[in-house]
PDB file of N, CA and C in Angstrom:
ATOM      1  N   MET A   1       0.826  -1.196   0.000  1.00  0.00           N
ATOM      2  CA  MET A   1       0.000   0.000   0.000  1.00  0.00           C
ATOM      3  C   MET A   1       0.872   1.263   0.000  1.00  0.00           C
ATOM      4  N   LEU A   2       1.981   1.219   0.736  1.00  0.00           N
ATOM      5  CA  LEU A   2       2.896   2.355   0.772  1.00  0.00           C
ATOM      6  C   LEU A   2       3.511   2.595  -0.603  1.00  0.00           C
ATOM      7  N   TYR A   3       3.827   1.513  -1.304  1.00  0.00           N
ATOM      8  CA  TYR A   3       4.397   1.613  -2.652  1.00  0.00           C
ATOM      9  C   TYR A   3       3.407   2.298  -3.599  1.00  0.00           C
ATOM     10  N   LEU A   4       2.141   1.924  -3.518  1.00  0.00           N
ATOM     11  CA  LEU A   4       1.103   2.541  -4.342  1.00  0.00           C
ATOM     12  C   LEU A   4       0.987   4.029  -4.026  1.00  0.00           C
ATOM     13  N   ALA A   5       1.020   4.381  -2.757  1.00  0.00           N
ATOM     14  CA  ALA A   5       0.946   5.785  -2.360  1.00  0.00           C
ATOM     15  C   ALA A   5       2.155   6.565  -2.884  1.00  0.00           C
ATOM     16  N   ALA A   6       3.338   5.960  -2.833  1.00  0.00           N
ATOM     17  CA  ALA A   6       4.546   6.622  -3.337  1.00  0.00           C
ATOM     18  C   ALA A   6       4.440   6.853  -4.841  1.00  0.00           C
ATOM     19  N   LYS A   7       3.931   5.871  -5.581  1.00  0.00           N
ATOM     20  CA  LYS A   7       3.756   6.022  -7.026  1.00  0.00           C
ATOM     21  C   LYS A   7       2.781   7.165  -7.325  1.00  0.00           C
ATOM     22  N   ALA A   8       1.677   7.195  -6.614  1.00  0.00           N
ATOM     23  CA  ALA A   8       0.667   8.233  -6.831  1.00  0.00           C
ATOM     24  C   ALA A   8       1.220   9.610  -6.477  1.00  0.00           C
ATOM     25  N   LEU A   9       1.968   9.699  -5.386  1.00  0.00           N
ATOM     26  CA  LEU A   9       2.528  10.978  -4.967  1.00  0.00           C
ATOM     27  C   LEU A   9       3.535  11.503  -5.985  1.00  0.00           C
ATOM     28  N   LEU A  10       4.439  10.659  -6.423  1.00  0.00           N
ATOM     29  CA  LEU A  10       5.437  11.089  -7.405  1.00  0.00           C
ATOM     30  C   LEU A  10       4.773  11.506  -8.717  1.00  0.00           C
ATOM     31  N   SER A  11       3.827  10.718  -9.185  1.00  0.00           N
ATOM     32  CA  SER A  11       3.124  11.042 -10.429  1.00  0.00           C
ATOM     33  C   SER A  11       2.363  12.359 -10.288  1.00  0.00           C
ATOM     34  N   GLY A  12       1.713  12.549  -9.148  1.00  0.00           N
ATOM     35  CA  GLY A  12       0.983  13.789  -8.893  1.00  0.00           C
ATOM     36  C   GLY A  12       1.896  14.996  -8.797  1.00  0.00           C
ATOM     37  N   LEU A  13       3.054  14.811  -8.207  1.00  0.00           N
ATOM     38  CA  LEU A  13       4.019  15.909  -8.112  1.00  0.00           C
ATOM     39  C   LEU A  13       4.477  16.374  -9.490  1.00  0.00           C
ATOM     40  N   ILE A  14       4.648  15.441 -10.392  1.00  0.00           N
ATOM     41  CA  ILE A  14       5.055  15.813 -11.756  1.00  0.00           C
ATOM     42  C   ILE A  14       3.965  16.651 -12.424  1.00  0.00           C
ATOM     43  N   VAL A  15       2.725  16.236 -12.295  1.00  0.00           N
ATOM     44  CA  VAL A  15       1.620  16.994 -12.894  1.00  0.00           C
ATOM     45  C   VAL A  15       1.530  18.380 -12.257  1.00  0.00           C
ATOM     46  N   ALA A  16       1.651  18.464 -10.944  1.00  0.00           N
ATOM     47  CA  ALA A  16       1.597  19.759 -10.261  1.00  0.00           C
ATOM     48  C   ALA A  16       2.757  20.648 -10.692  1.00  0.00           C
ATOM     49  N   ALA A  17       3.937  20.086 -10.821  1.00  0.00           N
ATOM     50  CA  ALA A  17       5.108  20.869 -11.233  1.00  0.00           C
ATOM     51  C   ALA A  17       4.912  21.433 -12.641  1.00  0.00           C
ATOM     52  N   VAL A  18       4.411  20.612 -13.551  1.00  0.00           N
ATOM     53  CA  VAL A  18       4.172  21.084 -14.921  1.00  0.00           C
ATOM     54  C   VAL A  18       3.149  22.210 -14.916  1.00  0.00           C
ATOM     55  N   SER A  19       2.117  22.078 -14.104  1.00  0.00           N
ATOM     56  CA  SER A  19       1.093  23.114 -14.014  1.00  0.00           C
ATOM     57  C   SER A  19       1.691  24.428 -13.514  1.00  0.00           C
ATOM     58  N   GLU A  20       2.509  24.368 -12.490  1.00  0.00           N
ATOM     59  CA  GLU A  20       3.132  25.573 -11.950  1.00  0.00           C
ATOM     60  C   GLU A  20       4.132  26.174 -12.934  1.00  0.00           C
ATOM     61  N   ILE A  21       4.939  25.349 -13.563  1.00  0.00           N
ATOM     62  CA  ILE A  21       5.911  25.839 -14.542  1.00  0.00           C
ATOM     63  C   ILE A  21       5.180  26.459 -15.734  1.00  0.00           C
ATOM     64  N   GLY A  22       4.075  25.827 -16.147  1.00  0.00           N
ATOM     65  CA  GLY A  22       3.288  26.336 -17.271  1.00  0.00           C
ATOM     66  C   GLY A  22       2.699  27.713 -17.020  1.00  0.00           C
ATOM     67  N   LYS A  23       2.436  28.055 -15.761  1.00  0.00           N
ATOM     68  CA  LYS A  23       1.941  29.402 -15.435  1.00  0.00           C
ATOM     69  C   LYS A  23       2.993  30.455 -15.749  1.00  0.00           C
ATOM     70  N   ARG A  24       4.236  30.124 -15.475  1.00  0.00           N
ATOM     71  CA  ARG A  24       5.325  31.074 -15.661  1.00  0.00           C
ATOM     72  C   ARG A  24       5.851  31.082 -17.095  1.00  0.00           C
ATOM     73  N   SER A  25       5.905  29.902 -17.686  1.00  0.00           N
ATOM     74  CA  SER A  25       6.436  29.779 -19.042  1.00  0.00           C
ATOM     75  C   SER A  25       5.670  28.691 -19.788  1.00  0.00           C
ATOM     76  N   PRO A  26       4.682  29.089 -20.588  1.00  0.00           N
ATOM     77  CA  PRO A  26       3.923  28.076 -21.324  1.00  0.00           C
ATOM     78  C   PRO A  26       4.809  27.182 -22.191  1.00  0.00           C
ATOM     79  N   ALA A  27       5.852  27.747 -22.797  1.00  0.00           N
ATOM     80  CA  ALA A  27       6.724  26.939 -23.660  1.00  0.00           C
ATOM     81  C   ALA A  27       7.471  25.890 -22.848  1.00  0.00           C
ATOM     82  N   LEU A  28       8.026  26.274 -21.695  1.00  0.00           N
ATOM     83  CA  LEU A  28       8.743  25.313 -20.864  1.00  0.00           C
ATOM     84  C   LEU A  28       7.781  24.269 -20.295  1.00  0.00           C
ATOM     85  N   GLY A  29       6.602  24.717 -19.872  1.00  0.00           N
ATOM     86  CA  GLY A  29       5.590  23.773 -19.387  1.00  0.00           C
ATOM     87  C   GLY A  29       5.212  22.770 -20.461  1.00  0.00           C
ATOM     88  N   ALA A  30       5.051  23.258 -21.693  1.00  0.00           N
ATOM     89  CA  ALA A  30       4.706  22.367 -22.812  1.00  0.00           C
ATOM     90  C   ALA A  30       5.837  21.396 -23.115  1.00  0.00           C
ATOM     91  N   LEU A  31       7.065  21.887 -23.039  1.00  0.00           N
ATOM     92  CA  LEU A  31       8.213  21.005 -23.274  1.00  0.00           C
ATOM     93  C   LEU A  31       8.237  19.866 -22.264  1.00  0.00           C
ATOM     94  N   ILE A  32       8.073  20.207 -20.996  1.00  0.00           N
ATOM     95  CA  ILE A  32       8.077  19.177 -19.958  1.00  0.00           C
ATOM     96  C   ILE A  32       6.879  18.251 -20.121  1.00  0.00           C
ATOM     97  N   LEU A  33       5.728  18.830 -20.439  1.00  0.00           N
ATOM     98  CA  LEU A  33       4.514  18.041 -20.624  1.00  0.00           C
ATOM     99  C   LEU A  33       4.641  17.077 -21.791  1.00  0.00           C
ATOM    100  N   SER A  34       5.370  17.488 -22.822  1.00  0.00           N
ATOM    101  CA  SER A  34       5.505  16.631 -23.993  1.00  0.00           C
ATOM    102  C   SER A  34       6.483  15.484 -23.778  1.00  0.00           C
ATOM    103  N   LEU A  35       7.294  15.578 -22.740  1.00  0.00           N
ATOM    104  CA  LEU A  35       8.182  14.460 -22.429  1.00  0.00           C
ATOM    105  C   LEU A  35       7.345  13.272 -21.970  1.00  0.00           C
ATOM    106  N   PRO A  36       7.730  12.091 -22.323  1.00  0.00           N
ATOM    107  CA  PRO A  36       6.915  10.925 -21.941  1.00  0.00           C
ATOM    108  C   PRO A  36       7.159  10.485 -20.489  1.00  0.00           C
ATOM    109  N   LEU A  37       7.069  11.458 -19.555  1.00  0.00           N
ATOM    110  CA  LEU A  37       7.368  11.157 -18.153  1.00  0.00           C
ATOM    111  C   LEU A  37       6.419  10.118 -17.563  1.00  0.00           C
ATOM    112  N   VAL A  38       5.140  10.252 -17.863  1.00  0.00           N
ATOM    113  CA  VAL A  38       4.173   9.294 -17.321  1.00  0.00           C
ATOM    114  C   VAL A  38       4.453   7.903 -17.883  1.00  0.00           C
ATOM    115  N   SER A  39       4.756   7.835 -19.170  1.00  0.00           N
ATOM    116  CA  SER A  39       5.062   6.532 -19.769  1.00  0.00           C
ATOM    117  C   SER A  39       6.312   5.930 -19.140  1.00  0.00           C
ATOM    118  N   ILE A  40       7.343   6.747 -18.987  1.00  0.00           N
ATOM    119  CA  ILE A  40       8.580   6.243 -18.390  1.00  0.00           C
ATOM    120  C   ILE A  40       8.330   5.757 -16.971  1.00  0.00           C
ATOM    121  N   LEU A  41       7.583   6.539 -16.204  1.00  0.00           N
ATOM    122  CA  LEU A  41       7.256   6.098 -14.834  1.00  0.00           C
ATOM    123  C   LEU A  41       6.471   4.792 -14.850  1.00  0.00           C
ATOM    124  N   ALA A  42       5.511   4.688 -15.771  1.00  0.00           N
ATOM    125  CA  ALA A  42       4.729   3.449 -15.849  1.00  0.00           C
ATOM    126  C   ALA A  42       5.622   2.264 -16.182  1.00  0.00           C
ATOM    127  N   PHE A  43       6.570   2.456 -17.097  1.00  0.00           N
ATOM    128  CA  PHE A  43       7.498   1.370 -17.434  1.00  0.00           C
ATOM    129  C   PHE A  43       8.328   0.976 -16.209  1.00  0.00           C
ATOM    130  N   ILE A  44       8.800   1.976 -15.479  1.00  0.00           N
ATOM    131  CA  ILE A  44       9.605   1.693 -14.274  1.00  0.00           C
ATOM    132  C   ILE A  44       8.774   0.965 -13.233  1.00  0.00           C
ATOM    133  N   TRP A  45       7.556   1.464 -12.970  1.00  0.00           N
ATOM    134  CA  TRP A  45       6.702   0.819 -11.953  1.00  0.00           C
ATOM    135  C   TRP A  45       6.407  -0.618 -12.381  1.00  0.00           C
ATOM    136  N   LEU A  46       6.082  -0.813 -13.641  1.00  0.00           N
ATOM    137  CA  LEU A  46       5.759  -2.153 -14.122  1.00  0.00           C
ATOM    138  C   LEU A  46       6.977  -3.073 -14.036  1.00  0.00           C
ATOM    139  N   TRP A  47       8.136  -2.564 -14.370  1.00  0.00           N
ATOM    140  CA  TRP A  47       9.357  -3.373 -14.292  1.00  0.00           C
ATOM    141  C   TRP A  47       9.649  -3.779 -12.850  1.00  0.00           C
ATOM    142  N   ARG A  48       9.478  -2.829 -11.923  1.00  0.00           N
ATOM    143  CA  ARG A  48       9.737  -3.133 -10.508  1.00  0.00           C
ATOM    144  C   ARG A  48       8.752  -4.175  -9.977  1.00  0.00           C
ATOM    145  N   GLU A  49       7.561  -4.187 -10.525  1.00  0.00           N
ATOM    146  CA  GLU A  49       6.537  -5.092 -10.017  1.00  0.00           C
ATOM    147  C   GLU A  49       6.668  -6.505 -10.554  1.00  0.00           C
ATOM    148  N   ASP A  50       7.004  -6.661 -11.848  1.00  0.00           N
ATOM    149  CA  ASP A  50       7.080  -8.039 -12.347  1.00  0.00           C
ATOM    150  C   ASP A  50       8.186  -8.298 -13.368  1.00  0.00           C
ATOM    151  N   ALA A  51       8.942  -7.281 -13.751  1.00  0.00           N
ATOM    152  CA  ALA A  51      10.099  -7.424 -14.643  1.00  0.00           C
ATOM    153  C   ALA A  51       9.794  -8.282 -15.869  1.00  0.00           C
ATOM    154  N   ASP A  52       8.638  -8.040 -16.473  1.00  0.00           N
ATOM    155  CA  ASP A  52       8.234  -8.799 -17.653  1.00  0.00           C
ATOM    156  C   ASP A  52       8.474  -7.939 -18.898  1.00  0.00           C
ATOM    157  N   PRO A  53       9.542  -8.210 -19.643  1.00  0.00           N
ATOM    158  CA  PRO A  53       9.847  -7.376 -20.803  1.00  0.00           C
ATOM    159  C   PRO A  53       8.751  -7.393 -21.858  1.00  0.00           C
ATOM    160  N   GLU A  54       8.058  -8.509 -22.022  1.00  0.00           N
ATOM    161  CA  GLU A  54       6.989  -8.582 -23.029  1.00  0.00           C
ATOM    162  C   GLU A  54       5.833  -7.664 -22.654  1.00  0.00           C
ATOM    163  N   ARG A  55       5.501  -7.608 -21.379  1.00  0.00           N
ATOM    164  CA  ARG A  55       4.410  -6.732 -20.935  1.00  0.00           C
ATOM    165  C   ARG A  55       4.778  -5.265 -21.164  1.00  0.00           C
ATOM    166  N   ILE A  56       6.015  -4.907 -20.863  1.00  0.00           N
ATOM    167  CA  ILE A  56       6.458  -3.527 -21.069  1.00  0.00           C
ATOM    168  C   ILE A  56       6.519  -3.207 -22.560  1.00  0.00           C
ATOM    169  N   ALA A  57       6.978  -4.151 -23.367  1.00  0.00           N
ATOM    170  CA  ALA A  57       7.013  -3.948 -24.819  1.00  0.00           C
ATOM    171  C   ALA A  57       5.601  -3.725 -25.357  1.00  0.00           C
ATOM    172  N   ALA A  58       4.648  -4.520 -24.895  1.00  0.00           N
ATOM    173  CA  ALA A  58       3.259  -4.373 -25.349  1.00  0.00           C
ATOM    174  C   ALA A  58       2.688  -3.027 -24.907  1.00  0.00           C
ATOM    175  N   LEU A  59       2.987  -2.630 -23.679  1.00  0.00           N
ATOM    176  CA  LEU A  59       2.519  -1.338 -23.182  1.00  0.00           C
ATOM    177  C   LEU A  59       3.110  -0.200 -24.011  1.00  0.00           C
ATOM    178  N   SER A  60       4.388  -0.288 -24.308  1.00  0.00           N
ATOM    179  CA  SER A  60       5.052   0.745 -25.096  1.00  0.00           C
ATOM    180  C   SER A  60       4.460   0.829 -26.501  1.00  0.00           C
ATOM    181  N   GLN A  61       4.256  -0.306 -27.139  1.00  0.00           N
ATOM    182  CA  GLN A  61       3.697  -0.309 -28.490  1.00  0.00           C
ATOM    183  C   GLN A  61       2.267   0.230 -28.496  1.00  0.00           C
ATOM    184  N   SER A  62       1.465  -0.186 -27.548  1.00  0.00           N
ATOM    185  CA  SER A  62       0.090   0.314 -27.483  1.00  0.00           C
ATOM    186  C   SER A  62       0.066   1.811 -27.211  1.00  0.00           C
ATOM    187  N   THR A  63       0.986   2.278 -26.367  1.00  0.00           N
ATOM    188  CA  THR A  63       1.070   3.708 -26.075  1.00  0.00           C
ATOM    189  C   THR A  63       1.343   4.492 -27.350  1.00  0.00           C
ATOM    190  N   PHE A  64       2.256   3.995 -28.169  1.00  0.00           N
ATOM    191  CA  PHE A  64       2.548   4.670 -29.442  1.00  0.00           C
ATOM    192  C   PHE A  64       1.275   4.836 -30.265  1.00  0.00           C
ATOM    193  N   TRP A  65       0.531   3.743 -30.437  1.00  0.00           N
ATOM    194  CA  TRP A  65      -0.656   3.807 -31.281  1.00  0.00           C
ATOM    195  C   TRP A  65      -1.733   4.709 -30.695  1.00  0.00           C
ATOM    196  N   PHE A  66      -1.812   4.790 -29.356  1.00  0.00           N
ATOM    197  CA  PHE A  66      -2.837   5.632 -28.752  1.00  0.00           C
ATOM    198  C   PHE A  66      -2.415   7.095 -28.635  1.00  0.00           C
ATOM    199  N   ILE A  67      -1.140   7.395 -28.792  1.00  0.00           N
ATOM    200  CA  ILE A  67      -0.723   8.798 -28.800  1.00  0.00           C
ATOM    201  C   ILE A  67      -1.207   9.477 -30.071  1.00  0.00           C
ATOM    202  N   LEU A  68      -1.150   8.776 -31.192  1.00  0.00           N
ATOM    203  CA  LEU A  68      -1.514   9.382 -32.475  1.00  0.00           C
ATOM    204  C   LEU A  68      -2.901  10.033 -32.478  1.00  0.00           C
ATOM    205  N   PRO A  69      -3.958   9.355 -31.965  1.00  0.00           N
ATOM    206  CA  PRO A  69      -5.270  10.014 -32.004  1.00  0.00           C
ATOM    207  C   PRO A  69      -5.421  11.166 -31.014  1.00  0.00           C
ATOM    208  N   THR A  70      -4.462  11.343 -30.098  1.00  0.00           N
ATOM    209  CA  THR A  70      -4.564  12.477 -29.176  1.00  0.00           C
ATOM    210  C   THR A  70      -3.983  13.752 -29.771  1.00  0.00           C
ATOM    211  N   LEU A  71      -3.147  13.632 -30.788  1.00  0.00           N
ATOM    212  CA  LEU A  71      -2.458  14.802 -31.333  1.00  0.00           C
ATOM    213  C   LEU A  71      -3.393  15.895 -31.863  1.00  0.00           C
ATOM    214  N   PRO A  72      -4.479  15.556 -32.565  1.00  0.00           N
ATOM    215  CA  PRO A  72      -5.359  16.630 -33.040  1.00  0.00           C
ATOM    216  C   PRO A  72      -5.913  17.509 -31.918  1.00  0.00           C
ATOM    217  N   MET A  73      -6.070  16.952 -30.725  1.00  0.00           N
ATOM    218  CA  MET A  73      -6.593  17.732 -29.609  1.00  0.00           C
ATOM    219  C   MET A  73      -5.744  18.972 -29.350  1.00  0.00           C
ATOM    220  N   PHE A  74      -4.436  18.845 -29.539  1.00  0.00           N
ATOM    221  CA  PHE A  74      -3.532  19.961 -29.241  1.00  0.00           C
ATOM    222  C   PHE A  74      -3.622  21.079 -30.280  1.00  0.00           C
ATOM    223  N   LEU A  75      -4.293  20.819 -31.378  1.00  0.00           N
ATOM    224  CA  LEU A  75      -4.566  21.874 -32.356  1.00  0.00           C
ATOM    225  C   LEU A  75      -6.009  22.366 -32.258  1.00  0.00           C
ATOM    226  N   VAL A  76      -6.926  21.448 -31.978  1.00  0.00           N
ATOM    227  CA  VAL A  76      -8.344  21.809 -31.909  1.00  0.00           C
ATOM    228  C   VAL A  76      -8.640  22.634 -30.656  1.00  0.00           C
ATOM    229  N   LEU A  77      -8.060  22.260 -29.521  1.00  0.00           N
ATOM    230  CA  LEU A  77      -8.343  22.991 -28.268  1.00  0.00           C
ATOM    231  C   LEU A  77      -7.982  24.472 -28.382  1.00  0.00           C
ATOM    232  N   PRO A  78      -6.762  24.830 -28.808  1.00  0.00           N
ATOM    233  CA  PRO A  78      -6.487  26.265 -28.914  1.00  0.00           C
ATOM    234  C   PRO A  78      -7.362  26.963 -29.956  1.00  0.00           C
ATOM    235  N   ALA A  79      -7.693  26.270 -31.035  1.00  0.00           N
ATOM    236  CA  ALA A  79      -8.560  26.880 -32.050  1.00  0.00           C
ATOM    237  C   ALA A  79      -9.936  27.190 -31.462  1.00  0.00           C
ATOM    238  N   LEU A  80     -10.481  26.244 -30.711  1.00  0.00           N
ATOM    239  CA  LEU A  80     -11.790  26.472 -30.092  1.00  0.00           C
ATOM    240  C   LEU A  80     -11.725  27.605 -29.074  1.00  0.00           C
ATOM    241  N   LEU A  81     -10.714  27.585 -28.222  1.00  0.00           N
ATOM    242  CA  LEU A  81     -10.592  28.619 -27.189  1.00  0.00           C
ATOM    243  C   LEU A  81     -10.414  30.004 -27.808  1.00  0.00           C
ATOM    244  N   ARG A  82      -9.626  30.096 -28.855  1.00  0.00           N
ATOM    245  CA  ARG A  82      -9.376  31.395 -29.507  1.00  0.00           C
ATOM    246  C   ARG A  82     -10.580  31.890 -30.301  1.00  0.00           C
ATOM    247  N   ASN A  83     -11.526  30.998 -30.566  1.00  0.00           N
ATOM    248  CA  ASN A  83     -12.743  31.393 -31.290  1.00  0.00           C
ATOM    249  C   ASN A  83     -13.949  31.520 -30.368  1.00  0.00           C
ATOM    250  N   GLY A  84     -13.691  31.694 -29.079  1.00  0.00           N
ATOM    251  CA  GLY A  84     -14.752  32.030 -28.147  1.00  0.00           C
ATOM    252  C   GLY A  84     -15.481  30.878 -27.489  1.00  0.00           C
ATOM    253  N   VAL A  85     -15.091  29.654 -27.763  1.00  0.00           N
ATOM    254  CA  VAL A  85     -15.736  28.528 -27.095  1.00  0.00           C
ATOM    255  C   VAL A  85     -15.208  28.479 -25.664  1.00  0.00           C
ATOM    256  N   GLY A  86     -16.091  28.309 -24.710  1.00  0.00           N
ATOM    257  CA  GLY A  86     -15.695  28.238 -23.307  1.00  0.00           C
ATOM    258  C   GLY A  86     -14.784  27.044 -23.035  1.00  0.00           C
ATOM    259  N   PHE A  87     -13.992  27.170 -21.987  1.00  0.00           N
ATOM    260  CA  PHE A  87     -13.001  26.135 -21.677  1.00  0.00           C
ATOM    261  C   PHE A  87     -13.631  24.762 -21.479  1.00  0.00           C
ATOM    262  N   VAL A  88     -14.664  24.678 -20.667  1.00  0.00           N
ATOM    263  CA  VAL A  88     -15.269  23.373 -20.365  1.00  0.00           C
ATOM    264  C   VAL A  88     -15.852  22.755 -21.635  1.00  0.00           C
ATOM    265  N   ALA A  89     -16.547  23.557 -22.431  1.00  0.00           N
ATOM    266  CA  ALA A  89     -17.124  23.042 -23.680  1.00  0.00           C
ATOM    267  C   ALA A  89     -16.023  22.616 -24.650  1.00  0.00           C
ATOM    268  N   ALA A  90     -14.975  23.426 -24.768  1.00  0.00           N
ATOM    269  CA  ALA A  90     -13.871  23.095 -25.673  1.00  0.00           C
ATOM    270  C   ALA A  90     -13.180  21.808 -25.234  1.00  0.00           C
ATOM    271  N   LEU A  91     -12.949  21.684 -23.947  1.00  0.00           N
ATOM    272  CA  LEU A  91     -12.307  20.470 -23.434  1.00  0.00           C
ATOM    273  C   LEU A  91     -13.202  19.254 -23.648  1.00  0.00           C
ATOM    274  N   ALA A  92     -14.490  19.411 -23.419  1.00  0.00           N
ATOM    275  CA  ALA A  92     -15.419  18.296 -23.635  1.00  0.00           C
ATOM    276  C   ALA A  92     -15.444  17.887 -25.110  1.00  0.00           C
ATOM    277  N   LEU A  93     -15.466  18.860 -26.007  1.00  0.00           N
ATOM    278  CA  LEU A  93     -15.443  18.543 -27.439  1.00  0.00           C
ATOM    279  C   LEU A  93     -14.146  17.836 -27.828  1.00  0.00           C
ATOM    280  N   CYS A  94     -13.050  18.275 -27.252  1.00  0.00           N
ATOM    281  CA  CYS A  94     -11.764  17.633 -27.547  1.00  0.00           C
ATOM    282  C   CYS A  94     -11.721  16.211 -27.001  1.00  0.00           C
ATOM    283  N   CYS A  95     -12.293  16.004 -25.832  1.00  0.00           N
ATOM    284  CA  CYS A  95     -12.354  14.639 -25.275  1.00  0.00           C
ATOM    285  C   CYS A  95     -13.215  13.750 -26.169  1.00  0.00           C
ATOM    286  N   LEU A  96     -14.332  14.275 -26.644  1.00  0.00           N
ATOM    287  CA  LEU A  96     -15.193  13.507 -27.545  1.00  0.00           C
ATOM    288  C   LEU A  96     -14.458  13.197 -28.852  1.00  0.00           C
ATOM    289  N   LEU A  97     -13.794  14.196 -29.416  1.00  0.00           N
ATOM    290  CA  LEU A  97     -13.016  13.979 -30.638  1.00  0.00           C
ATOM    291  C   LEU A  97     -11.955  12.900 -30.420  1.00  0.00           C
ATOM    292  N   THR A  98     -11.247  12.984 -29.305  1.00  0.00           N
ATOM    293  CA  THR A  98     -10.196  12.012 -29.015  1.00  0.00           C
ATOM    294  C   THR A  98     -10.778  10.612 -28.851  1.00  0.00           C
ATOM    295  N   ALA A  99     -11.913  10.490 -28.175  1.00  0.00           N
ATOM    296  CA  ALA A  99     -12.547   9.182 -28.008  1.00  0.00           C
ATOM    297  C   ALA A  99     -12.938   8.595 -29.368  1.00  0.00           C
ATOM    298  N   ILE A 100     -13.479   9.435 -30.240  1.00  0.00           N
ATOM    299  CA  ILE A 100     -13.849   8.971 -31.580  1.00  0.00           C
ATOM    300  C   ILE A 100     -12.603   8.529 -32.342  1.00  0.00           C
ATOM    301  N   LEU A 101     -11.541   9.329 -32.258  1.00  0.00           N
ATOM    302  CA  LEU A 101     -10.301   8.978 -32.951  1.00  0.00           C
ATOM    303  C   LEU A 101      -9.662   7.713 -32.374  1.00  0.00           C
ATOM    304  N   PHE A 102      -9.800   7.495 -31.064  1.00  0.00           N
ATOM    305  CA  PHE A 102      -9.327   6.244 -30.456  1.00  0.00           C
ATOM    306  C   PHE A 102     -10.048   5.054 -31.081  1.00  0.00           C
ATOM    307  N   ALA A 103     -11.370   5.176 -31.186  1.00  0.00           N
ATOM    308  CA  ALA A 103     -12.162   4.087 -31.759  1.00  0.00           C
ATOM    309  C   ALA A 103     -11.778   3.846 -33.218  1.00  0.00           C
ATOM    310  N   VAL A 104     -11.604   4.914 -33.964  1.00  0.00           N
ATOM    311  CA  VAL A 104     -11.193   4.782 -35.368  1.00  0.00           C
ATOM    312  C   VAL A 104      -9.817   4.127 -35.456  1.00  0.00           C
ATOM    313  N   MET A 105      -8.885   4.558 -34.602  1.00  0.00           N
ATOM    314  CA  MET A 105      -7.533   3.991 -34.607  1.00  0.00           C
ATOM    315  C   MET A 105      -7.579   2.496 -34.287  1.00  0.00           C
ATOM    316  N   ALA A 106      -8.334   2.118 -33.275  1.00  0.00           N
ATOM    317  CA  ALA A 106      -8.437   0.698 -32.916  1.00  0.00           C
ATOM    318  C   ALA A 106      -9.032  -0.105 -34.072  1.00  0.00           C
ATOM    319  N   TRP A 107     -10.039   0.456 -34.739  1.00  0.00           N
ATOM    320  CA  TRP A 107     -10.663  -0.237 -35.865  1.00  0.00           C
ATOM    321  C   TRP A 107      -9.667  -0.397 -37.015  1.00  0.00           C
ATOM    322  N   VAL A 108      -8.976   0.699 -37.360  1.00  0.00           N
ATOM    323  CA  VAL A 108      -8.008   0.654 -38.462  1.00  0.00           C
ATOM    324  C   VAL A 108      -6.893  -0.338 -38.141  1.00  0.00           C
ATOM    325  N   LEU A 109      -6.353  -0.284 -36.944  1.00  0.00           N
ATOM    326  CA  LEU A 109      -5.287  -1.213 -36.568  1.00  0.00           C
ATOM    327  C   LEU A 109      -5.774  -2.656 -36.633  1.00  0.00           C
ATOM    328  N   GLY A 110      -7.011  -2.876 -36.203  1.00  0.00           N
ATOM    329  CA  GLY A 110      -7.587  -4.220 -36.263  1.00  0.00           C
ATOM    330  C   GLY A 110      -7.664  -4.747 -37.682  1.00  0.00           C
ATOM    331  N   ARG A 111      -7.927  -3.851 -38.625  1.00  0.00           N
ATOM    332  CA  ARG A 111      -7.980  -4.247 -40.039  1.00  0.00           C
ATOM    333  C   ARG A 111      -6.619  -4.701 -40.552  1.00  0.00           C
ATOM    334  N   PHE A 112      -5.558  -4.212 -39.899  1.00  0.00           N
ATOM    335  CA  PHE A 112      -4.198  -4.600 -40.276  1.00  0.00           C
ATOM    336  C   PHE A 112      -3.626  -5.682 -39.365  1.00  0.00           C
ATOM    337  N   GLY A 113      -4.487  -6.253 -38.511  1.00  0.00           N
ATOM    338  CA  GLY A 113      -4.064  -7.335 -37.638  1.00  0.00           C
ATOM    339  C   GLY A 113      -3.271  -6.908 -36.412  1.00  0.00           C
ATOM    340  N   ILE A 114      -3.298  -5.626 -36.101  1.00  0.00           N
ATOM    341  CA  ILE A 114      -2.595  -5.132 -34.911  1.00  0.00           C
ATOM    342  C   ILE A 114      -3.590  -5.046 -33.776  1.00  0.00           C
ATOM    343  N   THR A 115      -3.302  -5.761 -32.688  1.00  0.00           N
ATOM    344  CA  THR A 115      -4.183  -5.724 -31.531  1.00  0.00           C
ATOM    345  C   THR A 115      -3.526  -4.918 -30.417  1.00  0.00           C
ATOM    346  N   LEU A 116      -4.356  -4.218 -29.703  1.00  0.00           N
ATOM    347  CA  LEU A 116      -3.854  -3.386 -28.601  1.00  0.00           C
ATOM    348  C   LEU A 116      -4.216  -3.990 -27.262  1.00  0.00           C
TER     349      LEU A 116
END
């Protein structure tokens, strides 16, 4: 239980740090945010728990495929916000778009025999 709490605390600290840095410097916050810190932490936590290279390889490969449908959100969100759409509505629309793109990505990958 202590290990789980430590993982949650460290992961939360990274998110809080990015948020604070982003207030002062959006570019630096974005740079840190774009680093695959959460993925790296997940790989480390998973390795410490069962040291299964195949599981980590599968997680890494699936992460790659699921990153692709999230990329449009980073263009659509600022476009919506700059055109007067409220933050909550813009974020909700981006989440819906991302969910649709996830489903499309899973379907397309399935057609090519790639399972996630």
